Amino acid sequence: MPIRNASQWLPDTFKSLIEQNFTETMELSLYNDGSTDNSIDIVHEWEPLLTSMYKIIINGHKEEKVRGAGYCRNRAIDASAERFLCLLDAVNIYLQK
């Protein structure tokens, strides 16, 4: 999940992840693209809840230069070790059916 100044969306995104009913092990790989808001604070606030269902991987940089969603997504993928991949942006929610 690429993150760049996404604090207004992250709670809904994380809530949708917690509401899923799968039973398999999954990773949530996040890459911060130099956010200047409190996105990383929100990530850390939700981390205890998320770790009940996901292995959490947090990476990123604090530089002013924005590298873009594609770059961040690729870094998050590089840090992952699971067999299957599902892409999620910080502004998306997963619906449960």
PDB file of N, CA and C in Angstrom:
ATOM      1  N   MET A   1       0.834  -1.172   0.000  1.00  0.00           N
ATOM      2  CA  MET A   1       0.000   0.000   0.000  1.00  0.00           C
ATOM      3  C   MET A   1       0.882   1.240   0.000  1.00  0.00           C
ATOM      4  N   PRO A   2       0.869   2.004  -1.076  1.00  0.00           N
ATOM      5  CA  PRO A   2       1.578   3.278  -1.071  1.00  0.00           C
ATOM      6  C   PRO A   2       0.806   4.291  -0.224  1.00  0.00           C
ATOM      7  N   ILE A   3       1.536   5.074   0.555  1.00  0.00           N
ATOM      8  CA  ILE A   3       0.899   6.085   1.408  1.00  0.00           C
ATOM      9  C   ILE A   3       1.580   7.423   1.181  1.00  0.00           C
ATOM     10  N   ARG A   4       0.784   8.429   0.892  1.00  0.00           N
ATOM     11  CA  ARG A   4       1.272   9.810   0.781  1.00  0.00           C
ATOM     12  C   ARG A   4       0.155  10.723   1.254  1.00  0.00           C
ATOM     13  N   ASN A   5       0.318  11.299   2.437  1.00  0.00           N
ATOM     14  CA  ASN A   5      -0.668  12.231   2.995  1.00  0.00           C
ATOM     15  C   ASN A   5      -2.083  11.685   2.894  1.00  0.00           C
ATOM     16  N   ALA A   6      -2.277  10.503   3.444  1.00  0.00           N
ATOM     17  CA  ALA A   6      -3.557   9.792   3.328  1.00  0.00           C
ATOM     18  C   ALA A   6      -4.311   9.707   4.650  1.00  0.00           C
ATOM     19  N   SER A   7      -3.992  10.556   5.583  1.00  0.00           N
ATOM     20  CA  SER A   7      -4.562  10.435   6.927  1.00  0.00           C
ATOM     21  C   SER A   7      -6.088  10.455   6.932  1.00  0.00           C
ATOM     22  N   GLN A   8      -6.705  11.177   6.030  1.00  0.00           N
ATOM     23  CA  GLN A   8      -8.172  11.256   6.039  1.00  0.00           C
ATOM     24  C   GLN A   8      -8.844   9.970   5.565  1.00  0.00           C
ATOM     25  N   TRP A   9      -8.124   9.119   4.843  1.00  0.00           N
ATOM     26  CA  TRP A   9      -8.698   7.885   4.312  1.00  0.00           C
ATOM     27  C   TRP A   9      -8.268   6.635   5.071  1.00  0.00           C
ATOM     28  N   LEU A  10      -7.120   6.675   5.694  1.00  0.00           N
ATOM     29  CA  LEU A  10      -6.562   5.464   6.310  1.00  0.00           C
ATOM     30  C   LEU A  10      -7.481   4.778   7.324  1.00  0.00           C
ATOM     31  N   PRO A  11      -8.165   5.497   8.217  1.00  0.00           N
ATOM     32  CA  PRO A  11      -9.038   4.782   9.155  1.00  0.00           C
ATOM     33  C   PRO A  11     -10.097   3.926   8.451  1.00  0.00           C
ATOM     34  N   ASP A  12     -10.741   4.449   7.423  1.00  0.00           N
ATOM     35  CA  ASP A  12     -11.745   3.667   6.692  1.00  0.00           C
ATOM     36  C   ASP A  12     -11.100   2.496   5.957  1.00  0.00           C
ATOM     37  N   THR A  13      -9.936   2.713   5.386  1.00  0.00           N
ATOM     38  CA  THR A  13      -9.225   1.640   4.688  1.00  0.00           C
ATOM     39  C   THR A  13      -8.854   0.527   5.661  1.00  0.00           C
ATOM     40  N   PHE A  14      -8.276   0.874   6.794  1.00  0.00           N
ATOM     41  CA  PHE A  14      -7.878  -0.121   7.779  1.00  0.00           C
ATOM     42  C   PHE A  14      -9.093  -0.833   8.380  1.00  0.00           C
ATOM     43  N   LYS A  15     -10.160  -0.094   8.633  1.00  0.00           N
ATOM     44  CA  LYS A  15     -11.388  -0.702   9.157  1.00  0.00           C
ATOM     45  C   LYS A  15     -11.906  -1.757   8.185  1.00  0.00           C
ATOM     46  N   SER A  16     -11.862  -1.454   6.885  1.00  0.00           N
ATOM     47  CA  SER A  16     -12.344  -2.422   5.898  1.00  0.00           C
ATOM     48  C   SER A  16     -11.475  -3.682   5.873  1.00  0.00           C
ATOM     49  N   LEU A  17     -10.190  -3.538   6.144  1.00  0.00           N
ATOM     50  CA  LEU A  17      -9.303  -4.705   6.195  1.00  0.00           C
ATOM     51  C   LEU A  17      -9.602  -5.576   7.408  1.00  0.00           C
ATOM     52  N   ILE A  18      -9.874  -4.953   8.533  1.00  0.00           N
ATOM     53  CA  ILE A  18     -10.160  -5.691   9.755  1.00  0.00           C
ATOM     54  C   ILE A  18     -11.500  -6.423   9.660  1.00  0.00           C
ATOM     55  N   GLU A  19     -12.416  -5.893   8.881  1.00  0.00           N
ATOM     56  CA  GLU A  19     -13.742  -6.502   8.752  1.00  0.00           C
ATOM     57  C   GLU A  19     -13.779  -7.706   7.809  1.00  0.00           C
ATOM     58  N   GLN A  20     -12.676  -8.029   7.181  1.00  0.00           N
ATOM     59  CA  GLN A  20     -12.638  -9.197   6.297  1.00  0.00           C
ATOM     60  C   GLN A  20     -12.730 -10.474   7.129  1.00  0.00           C
ATOM     61  N   ASN A  21     -13.226 -11.551   6.522  1.00  0.00           N
ATOM     62  CA  ASN A  21     -13.429 -12.782   7.285  1.00  0.00           C
ATOM     63  C   ASN A  21     -12.580 -13.947   6.784  1.00  0.00           C
ATOM     64  N   PHE A  22     -11.437 -13.672   6.205  1.00  0.00           N
ATOM     65  CA  PHE A  22     -10.549 -14.745   5.748  1.00  0.00           C
ATOM     66  C   PHE A  22      -9.822 -15.342   6.947  1.00  0.00           C
ATOM     67  N   THR A  23      -9.308 -16.538   6.745  1.00  0.00           N
ATOM     68  CA  THR A  23      -8.617 -17.215   7.844  1.00  0.00           C
ATOM     69  C   THR A  23      -7.152 -17.499   7.529  1.00  0.00           C
ATOM     70  N   GLU A  24      -6.719 -17.156   6.349  1.00  0.00           N
ATOM     71  CA  GLU A  24      -5.326 -17.393   5.948  1.00  0.00           C
ATOM     72  C   GLU A  24      -4.406 -16.297   6.485  1.00  0.00           C
ATOM     73  N   THR A  25      -3.119 -16.561   6.491  1.00  0.00           N
ATOM     74  CA  THR A  25      -2.128 -15.562   6.867  1.00  0.00           C
ATOM     75  C   THR A  25      -1.911 -14.600   5.704  1.00  0.00           C
ATOM     76  N   MET A  26      -1.890 -13.327   5.995  1.00  0.00           N
ATOM     77  CA  MET A  26      -1.641 -12.314   4.968  1.00  0.00           C
ATOM     78  C   MET A  26      -0.682 -11.268   5.499  1.00  0.00           C
ATOM     79  N   GLU A  27      -0.029 -10.599   4.566  1.00  0.00           N
ATOM     80  CA  GLU A  27       0.839  -9.467   4.900  1.00  0.00           C
ATOM     81  C   GLU A  27       0.160  -8.186   4.438  1.00  0.00           C
ATOM     82  N   LEU A  28       0.466  -7.125   5.137  1.00  0.00           N
ATOM     83  CA  LEU A  28       0.090  -5.788   4.699  1.00  0.00           C
ATOM     84  C   LEU A  28       1.386  -4.994   4.629  1.00  0.00           C
ATOM     85  N   SER A  29       1.831  -4.737   3.406  1.00  0.00           N
ATOM     86  CA  SER A  29       3.099  -4.047   3.184  1.00  0.00           C
ATOM     87  C   SER A  29       2.812  -2.601   2.813  1.00  0.00           C
ATOM     88  N   LEU A  30       3.272  -1.678   3.656  1.00  0.00           N
ATOM     89  CA  LEU A  30       3.032  -0.247   3.474  1.00  0.00           C
ATOM     90  C   LEU A  30       4.333   0.458   3.128  1.00  0.00           C
ATOM     91  N   TYR A  31       4.240   1.440   2.240  1.00  0.00           N
ATOM     92  CA  TYR A  31       5.415   2.247   1.912  1.00  0.00           C
ATOM     93  C   TYR A  31       5.011   3.714   1.949  1.00  0.00           C
ATOM     94  N   ASN A  32       5.620   4.473   2.864  1.00  0.00           N
ATOM     95  CA  ASN A  32       5.324   5.890   3.031  1.00  0.00           C
ATOM     96  C   ASN A  32       6.172   6.730   2.082  1.00  0.00           C
ATOM     97  N   ASP A  33       5.502   7.505   1.254  1.00  0.00           N
ATOM     98  CA  ASP A  33       6.176   8.354   0.268  1.00  0.00           C
ATOM     99  C   ASP A  33       6.393   9.768   0.811  1.00  0.00           C
ATOM    100  N   GLY A  34       7.044   9.873   1.966  1.00  0.00           N
ATOM    101  CA  GLY A  34       7.390  11.169   2.535  1.00  0.00           C
ATOM    102  C   GLY A  34       6.200  11.991   2.986  1.00  0.00           C
ATOM    103  N   SER A  35       5.204  11.343   3.555  1.00  0.00           N
ATOM    104  CA  SER A  35       4.011  12.066   4.017  1.00  0.00           C
ATOM    105  C   SER A  35       4.384  13.201   4.956  1.00  0.00           C
ATOM    106  N   THR A  36       3.675  14.309   4.823  1.00  0.00           N
ATOM    107  CA  THR A  36       3.890  15.456   5.696  1.00  0.00           C
ATOM    108  C   THR A  36       2.727  15.639   6.670  1.00  0.00           C
ATOM    109  N   ASP A  37       1.715  14.786   6.569  1.00  0.00           N
ATOM    110  CA  ASP A  37       0.611  14.822   7.527  1.00  0.00           C
ATOM    111  C   ASP A  37       0.852  13.735   8.583  1.00  0.00           C
ATOM    112  N   ASN A  38      -0.167  13.333   9.284  1.00  0.00           N
ATOM    113  CA  ASN A  38       0.013  12.345  10.353  1.00  0.00           C
ATOM    114  C   ASN A  38      -0.324  10.917   9.905  1.00  0.00           C
ATOM    115  N   SER A  39      -0.125  10.627   8.634  1.00  0.00           N
ATOM    116  CA  SER A  39      -0.423   9.287   8.109  1.00  0.00           C
ATOM    117  C   SER A  39       0.302   8.187   8.879  1.00  0.00           C
ATOM    118  N   ILE A  40       1.567   8.364   9.136  1.00  0.00           N
ATOM    119  CA  ILE A  40       2.338   7.320   9.822  1.00  0.00           C
ATOM    120  C   ILE A  40       1.862   7.157  11.267  1.00  0.00           C
ATOM    121  N   ASP A  41       1.463   8.241  11.908  1.00  0.00           N
ATOM    122  CA  ASP A  41       0.898   8.126  13.254  1.00  0.00           C
ATOM    123  C   ASP A  41      -0.364   7.271  13.225  1.00  0.00           C
ATOM    124  N   ILE A  42      -1.197   7.457  12.212  1.00  0.00           N
ATOM    125  CA  ILE A  42      -2.422   6.667  12.074  1.00  0.00           C
ATOM    126  C   ILE A  42      -2.083   5.208  11.818  1.00  0.00           C
ATOM    127  N   VAL A  43      -1.090   4.954  10.988  1.00  0.00           N
ATOM    128  CA  VAL A  43      -0.642   3.576  10.755  1.00  0.00           C
ATOM    129  C   VAL A  43      -0.275   2.927  12.091  1.00  0.00           C
ATOM    130  N   HIS A  44       0.487   3.618  12.901  1.00  0.00           N
ATOM    131  CA  HIS A  44       0.930   3.061  14.178  1.00  0.00           C
ATOM    132  C   HIS A  44      -0.228   2.915  15.170  1.00  0.00           C
ATOM    133  N   GLU A  45      -1.222   3.799  15.107  1.00  0.00           N
ATOM    134  CA  GLU A  45      -2.408   3.672  15.956  1.00  0.00           C
ATOM    135  C   GLU A  45      -3.183   2.392  15.619  1.00  0.00           C
ATOM    136  N   TRP A  46      -3.286   2.084  14.335  1.00  0.00           N
ATOM    137  CA  TRP A  46      -4.036   0.915  13.877  1.00  0.00           C
ATOM    138  C   TRP A  46      -3.216  -0.375  13.906  1.00  0.00           C
ATOM    139  N   GLU A  47      -1.925  -0.251  14.035  1.00  0.00           N
ATOM    140  CA  GLU A  47      -1.045  -1.423  13.956  1.00  0.00           C
ATOM    141  C   GLU A  47      -1.443  -2.552  14.914  1.00  0.00           C
ATOM    142  N   PRO A  48      -1.766  -2.272  16.180  1.00  0.00           N
ATOM    143  CA  PRO A  48      -2.148  -3.381  17.074  1.00  0.00           C
ATOM    144  C   PRO A  48      -3.380  -4.149  16.577  1.00  0.00           C
ATOM    145  N   LEU A  49      -4.350  -3.465  16.033  1.00  0.00           N
ATOM    146  CA  LEU A  49      -5.539  -4.136  15.499  1.00  0.00           C
ATOM    147  C   LEU A  49      -5.214  -4.904  14.225  1.00  0.00           C
ATOM    148  N   LEU A  50      -4.433  -4.300  13.369  1.00  0.00           N
ATOM    149  CA  LEU A  50      -4.095  -4.926  12.091  1.00  0.00           C
ATOM    150  C   LEU A  50      -3.248  -6.177  12.280  1.00  0.00           C
ATOM    151  N   THR A  51      -2.355  -6.165  13.277  1.00  0.00           N
ATOM    152  CA  THR A  51      -1.474  -7.320  13.476  1.00  0.00           C
ATOM    153  C   THR A  51      -2.225  -8.546  13.972  1.00  0.00           C
ATOM    154  N   SER A  52      -3.470  -8.382  14.382  1.00  0.00           N
ATOM    155  CA  SER A  52      -4.260  -9.546  14.759  1.00  0.00           C
ATOM    156  C   SER A  52      -4.623 -10.378  13.525  1.00  0.00           C
ATOM    157  N   MET A  53      -4.554  -9.778  12.339  1.00  0.00           N
ATOM    158  CA  MET A  53      -4.908 -10.473  11.103  1.00  0.00           C
ATOM    159  C   MET A  53      -3.808 -10.473  10.055  1.00  0.00           C
ATOM    160  N   TYR A  54      -2.869  -9.552  10.154  1.00  0.00           N
ATOM    161  CA  TYR A  54      -1.866  -9.354   9.116  1.00  0.00           C
ATOM    162  C   TYR A  54      -0.473  -9.277   9.715  1.00  0.00           C
ATOM    163  N   LYS A  55       0.493  -9.719   8.945  1.00  0.00           N
ATOM    164  CA  LYS A  55       1.879  -9.397   9.258  1.00  0.00           C
ATOM    165  C   LYS A  55       2.091  -8.014   8.641  1.00  0.00           C
ATOM    166  N   ILE A  56       2.490  -7.045   9.433  1.00  0.00           N
ATOM    167  CA  ILE A  56       2.625  -5.664   8.972  1.00  0.00           C
ATOM    168  C   ILE A  56       4.075  -5.379   8.623  1.00  0.00           C
ATOM    169  N   ILE A  57       4.286  -4.803   7.441  1.00  0.00           N
ATOM    170  CA  ILE A  57       5.608  -4.389   6.985  1.00  0.00           C
ATOM    171  C   ILE A  57       5.506  -2.896   6.661  1.00  0.00           C
ATOM    172  N   ILE A  58       6.297  -2.085   7.342  1.00  0.00           N
ATOM    173  CA  ILE A  58       6.246  -0.634   7.131  1.00  0.00           C
ATOM    174  C   ILE A  58       7.611  -0.158   6.660  1.00  0.00           C
ATOM    175  N   ASN A  59       7.636   0.475   5.511  1.00  0.00           N
ATOM    176  CA  ASN A  59       8.846   1.067   4.962  1.00  0.00           C
ATOM    177  C   ASN A  59       8.514   2.454   4.435  1.00  0.00           C
ATOM    178  N   GLY A  60       9.508   3.133   3.926  1.00  0.00           N
ATOM    179  CA  GLY A  60       9.265   4.439   3.322  1.00  0.00           C
ATOM    180  C   GLY A  60      10.448   5.368   3.474  1.00  0.00           C
ATOM    181  N   HIS A  61      10.195   6.602   3.143  1.00  0.00           N
ATOM    182  CA  HIS A  61      11.222   7.635   3.270  1.00  0.00           C
ATOM    183  C   HIS A  61      10.583   8.920   3.795  1.00  0.00           C
ATOM    184  N   LYS A  62      11.404   9.853   4.257  1.00  0.00           N
ATOM    185  CA  LYS A  62      10.924  11.115   4.808  1.00  0.00           C
ATOM    186  C   LYS A  62      11.377  12.314   3.973  1.00  0.00           C
ATOM    187  N   GLU A  63      11.921  12.049   2.805  1.00  0.00           N
ATOM    188  CA  GLU A  63      12.423  13.131   1.959  1.00  0.00           C
ATOM    189  C   GLU A  63      11.269  13.911   1.335  1.00  0.00           C
ATOM    190  N   GLU A  64      11.543  15.156   0.932  1.00  0.00           N
ATOM    191  CA  GLU A  64      10.514  15.983   0.301  1.00  0.00           C
ATOM    192  C   GLU A  64      10.119  15.479  -1.072  1.00  0.00           C
ATOM    193  N   LYS A  65      11.063  14.903  -1.774  1.00  0.00           N
ATOM    194  CA  LYS A  65      10.794  14.454  -3.135  1.00  0.00           C
ATOM    195  C   LYS A  65       9.791  13.303  -3.139  1.00  0.00           C
ATOM    196  N   VAL A  66       8.683  13.504  -3.841  1.00  0.00           N
ATOM    197  CA  VAL A  66       7.660  12.470  -3.972  1.00  0.00           C
ATOM    198  C   VAL A  66       8.087  11.510  -5.070  1.00  0.00           C
ATOM    199  N   ARG A  67       8.026  10.222  -4.776  1.00  0.00           N
ATOM    200  CA  ARG A  67       8.460   9.232  -5.760  1.00  0.00           C
ATOM    201  C   ARG A  67       7.290   8.641  -6.537  1.00  0.00           C
ATOM    202  N   GLY A  68       6.088   8.775  -6.036  1.00  0.00           N
ATOM    203  CA  GLY A  68       4.904   8.331  -6.764  1.00  0.00           C
ATOM    204  C   GLY A  68       4.395   6.968  -6.331  1.00  0.00           C
ATOM    205  N   ALA A  69       3.123   6.733  -6.624  1.00  0.00           N
ATOM    206  CA  ALA A  69       2.458   5.504  -6.192  1.00  0.00           C
ATOM    207  C   ALA A  69       3.102   4.258  -6.786  1.00  0.00           C
ATOM    208  N   GLY A  70       3.484   4.306  -8.055  1.00  0.00           N
ATOM    209  CA  GLY A  70       4.096   3.134  -8.687  1.00  0.00           C
ATOM    210  C   GLY A  70       5.386   2.731  -8.012  1.00  0.00           C
ATOM    211  N   TYR A  71       6.238   3.698  -7.728  1.00  0.00           N
ATOM    212  CA  TYR A  71       7.505   3.440  -7.044  1.00  0.00           C
ATOM    213  C   TYR A  71       7.232   2.823  -5.669  1.00  0.00           C
ATOM    214  N   CYS A  72       6.319   3.450  -4.931  1.00  0.00           N
ATOM    215  CA  CYS A  72       6.023   2.982  -3.574  1.00  0.00           C
ATOM    216  C   CYS A  72       5.397   1.599  -3.592  1.00  0.00           C
ATOM    217  N   ARG A  73       4.506   1.358  -4.525  1.00  0.00           N
ATOM    218  CA  ARG A  73       3.883   0.045  -4.649  1.00  0.00           C
ATOM    219  C   ARG A  73       4.946  -1.022  -4.913  1.00  0.00           C
ATOM    220  N   ASN A  74       5.882  -0.715  -5.800  1.00  0.00           N
ATOM    221  CA  ASN A  74       6.961  -1.667  -6.102  1.00  0.00           C
ATOM    222  C   ASN A  74       7.840  -1.932  -4.887  1.00  0.00           C
ATOM    223  N   ARG A  75       8.130  -0.893  -4.084  1.00  0.00           N
ATOM    224  CA  ARG A  75       8.926  -1.101  -2.865  1.00  0.00           C
ATOM    225  C   ARG A  75       8.161  -1.950  -1.866  1.00  0.00           C
ATOM    226  N   ALA A  76       6.858  -1.736  -1.760  1.00  0.00           N
ATOM    227  CA  ALA A  76       6.044  -2.540  -0.848  1.00  0.00           C
ATOM    228  C   ALA A  76       6.027  -3.997  -1.304  1.00  0.00           C
ATOM    229  N   ILE A  77       5.922  -4.207  -2.605  1.00  0.00           N
ATOM    230  CA  ILE A  77       5.941  -5.565  -3.154  1.00  0.00           C
ATOM    231  C   ILE A  77       7.290  -6.223  -2.893  1.00  0.00           C
ATOM    232  N   ASP A  78       8.374  -5.467  -3.097  1.00  0.00           N
ATOM    233  CA  ASP A  78       9.724  -5.993  -2.849  1.00  0.00           C
ATOM    234  C   ASP A  78       9.884  -6.480  -1.409  1.00  0.00           C
ATOM    235  N   ALA A  79       9.223  -5.811  -0.474  1.00  0.00           N
ATOM    236  CA  ALA A  79       9.351  -6.164   0.944  1.00  0.00           C
ATOM    237  C   ALA A  79       8.458  -7.333   1.335  1.00  0.00           C
ATOM    238  N   SER A  80       7.553  -7.721   0.459  1.00  0.00           N
ATOM    239  CA  SER A  80       6.603  -8.799   0.750  1.00  0.00           C
ATOM    240  C   SER A  80       7.205 -10.161   0.460  1.00  0.00           C
ATOM    241  N   ALA A  81       6.668 -11.156   1.142  1.00  0.00           N
ATOM    242  CA  ALA A  81       7.167 -12.511   0.939  1.00  0.00           C
ATOM    243  C   ALA A  81       6.059 -13.514   0.654  1.00  0.00           C
ATOM    244  N   GLU A  82       4.821 -13.083   0.615  1.00  0.00           N
ATOM    245  CA  GLU A  82       3.717 -14.015   0.393  1.00  0.00           C
ATOM    246  C   GLU A  82       3.616 -14.421  -1.071  1.00  0.00           C
ATOM    247  N   ARG A  83       2.861 -15.468  -1.311  1.00  0.00           N
ATOM    248  CA  ARG A  83       2.755 -16.061  -2.645  1.00  0.00           C
ATOM    249  C   ARG A  83       1.838 -15.269  -3.581  1.00  0.00           C
ATOM    250  N   PHE A  84       0.739 -14.734  -3.059  1.00  0.00           N
ATOM    251  CA  PHE A  84      -0.226 -14.007  -3.868  1.00  0.00           C
ATOM    252  C   PHE A  84      -0.183 -12.527  -3.541  1.00  0.00           C
ATOM    253  N   LEU A  85      -0.623 -11.720  -4.499  1.00  0.00           N
ATOM    254  CA  LEU A  85      -0.550 -10.272  -4.367  1.00  0.00           C
ATOM    255  C   LEU A  85      -1.915  -9.669  -4.637  1.00  0.00           C
ATOM    256  N   CYS A  86      -2.323  -8.760  -3.787  1.00  0.00           N
ATOM    257  CA  CYS A  86      -3.548  -7.997  -3.985  1.00  0.00           C
ATOM    258  C   CYS A  86      -3.188  -6.539  -3.727  1.00  0.00           C
ATOM    259  N   LEU A  87      -3.476  -5.683  -4.679  1.00  0.00           N
ATOM    260  CA  LEU A  87      -3.099  -4.275  -4.550  1.00  0.00           C
ATOM    261  C   LEU A  87      -4.206  -3.482  -3.865  1.00  0.00           C
ATOM    262  N   LEU A  88      -3.796  -2.579  -3.019  1.00  0.00           N
ATOM    263  CA  LEU A  88      -4.714  -1.716  -2.293  1.00  0.00           C
ATOM    264  C   LEU A  88      -4.046  -0.366  -2.125  1.00  0.00           C
ATOM    265  N   ASP A  89      -4.764   0.684  -2.451  1.00  0.00           N
ATOM    266  CA  ASP A  89      -4.268   2.034  -2.202  1.00  0.00           C
ATOM    267  C   ASP A  89      -4.880   2.556  -0.910  1.00  0.00           C
ATOM    268  N   ALA A  90      -4.284   3.570  -0.348  1.00  0.00           N
ATOM    269  CA  ALA A  90      -4.728   4.117   0.928  1.00  0.00           C
ATOM    270  C   ALA A  90      -6.119   4.742   0.846  1.00  0.00           C
ATOM    271  N   VAL A  91      -6.600   5.013  -0.330  1.00  0.00           N
ATOM    272  CA  VAL A  91      -7.926   5.634  -0.494  1.00  0.00           C
ATOM    273  C   VAL A  91      -9.000   4.605  -0.835  1.00  0.00           C
ATOM    274  N   ASN A  92      -8.656   3.310  -0.809  1.00  0.00           N
ATOM    275  CA  ASN A  92      -9.600   2.246  -1.156  1.00  0.00           C
ATOM    276  C   ASN A  92     -10.097   1.534   0.089  1.00  0.00           C
ATOM    277  N   ILE A  93     -11.261   0.918  -0.046  1.00  0.00           N
ATOM    278  CA  ILE A  93     -11.764   0.034   0.991  1.00  0.00           C
ATOM    279  C   ILE A  93     -12.137  -1.291   0.355  1.00  0.00           C
ATOM    280  N   TYR A  94     -12.008  -2.353   1.121  1.00  0.00           N
ATOM    281  CA  TYR A  94     -12.443  -3.670   0.676  1.00  0.00           C
ATOM    282  C   TYR A  94     -13.832  -3.916   1.226  1.00  0.00           C
ATOM    283  N   LEU A  95     -14.733  -4.297   0.350  1.00  0.00           N
ATOM    284  CA  LEU A  95     -16.077  -4.650   0.772  1.00  0.00           C
ATOM    285  C   LEU A  95     -16.144  -6.144   0.997  1.00  0.00           C
ATOM    286  N   GLN A  96     -16.916  -6.525   1.956  1.00  0.00           N
ATOM    287  CA  GLN A  96     -17.076  -7.941   2.248  1.00  0.00           C
ATOM    288  C   GLN A  96     -18.398  -8.418   1.672  1.00  0.00           C
ATOM    289  N   LYS A  97     -18.365  -9.563   1.008  1.00  0.00           N
ATOM    290  CA  LYS A  97     -19.598 -10.135   0.450  1.00  0.00           C
ATOM    291  C   LYS A  97     -19.922 -11.420   1.153  1.00  0.00           C
TER     292      LYS A  97
END
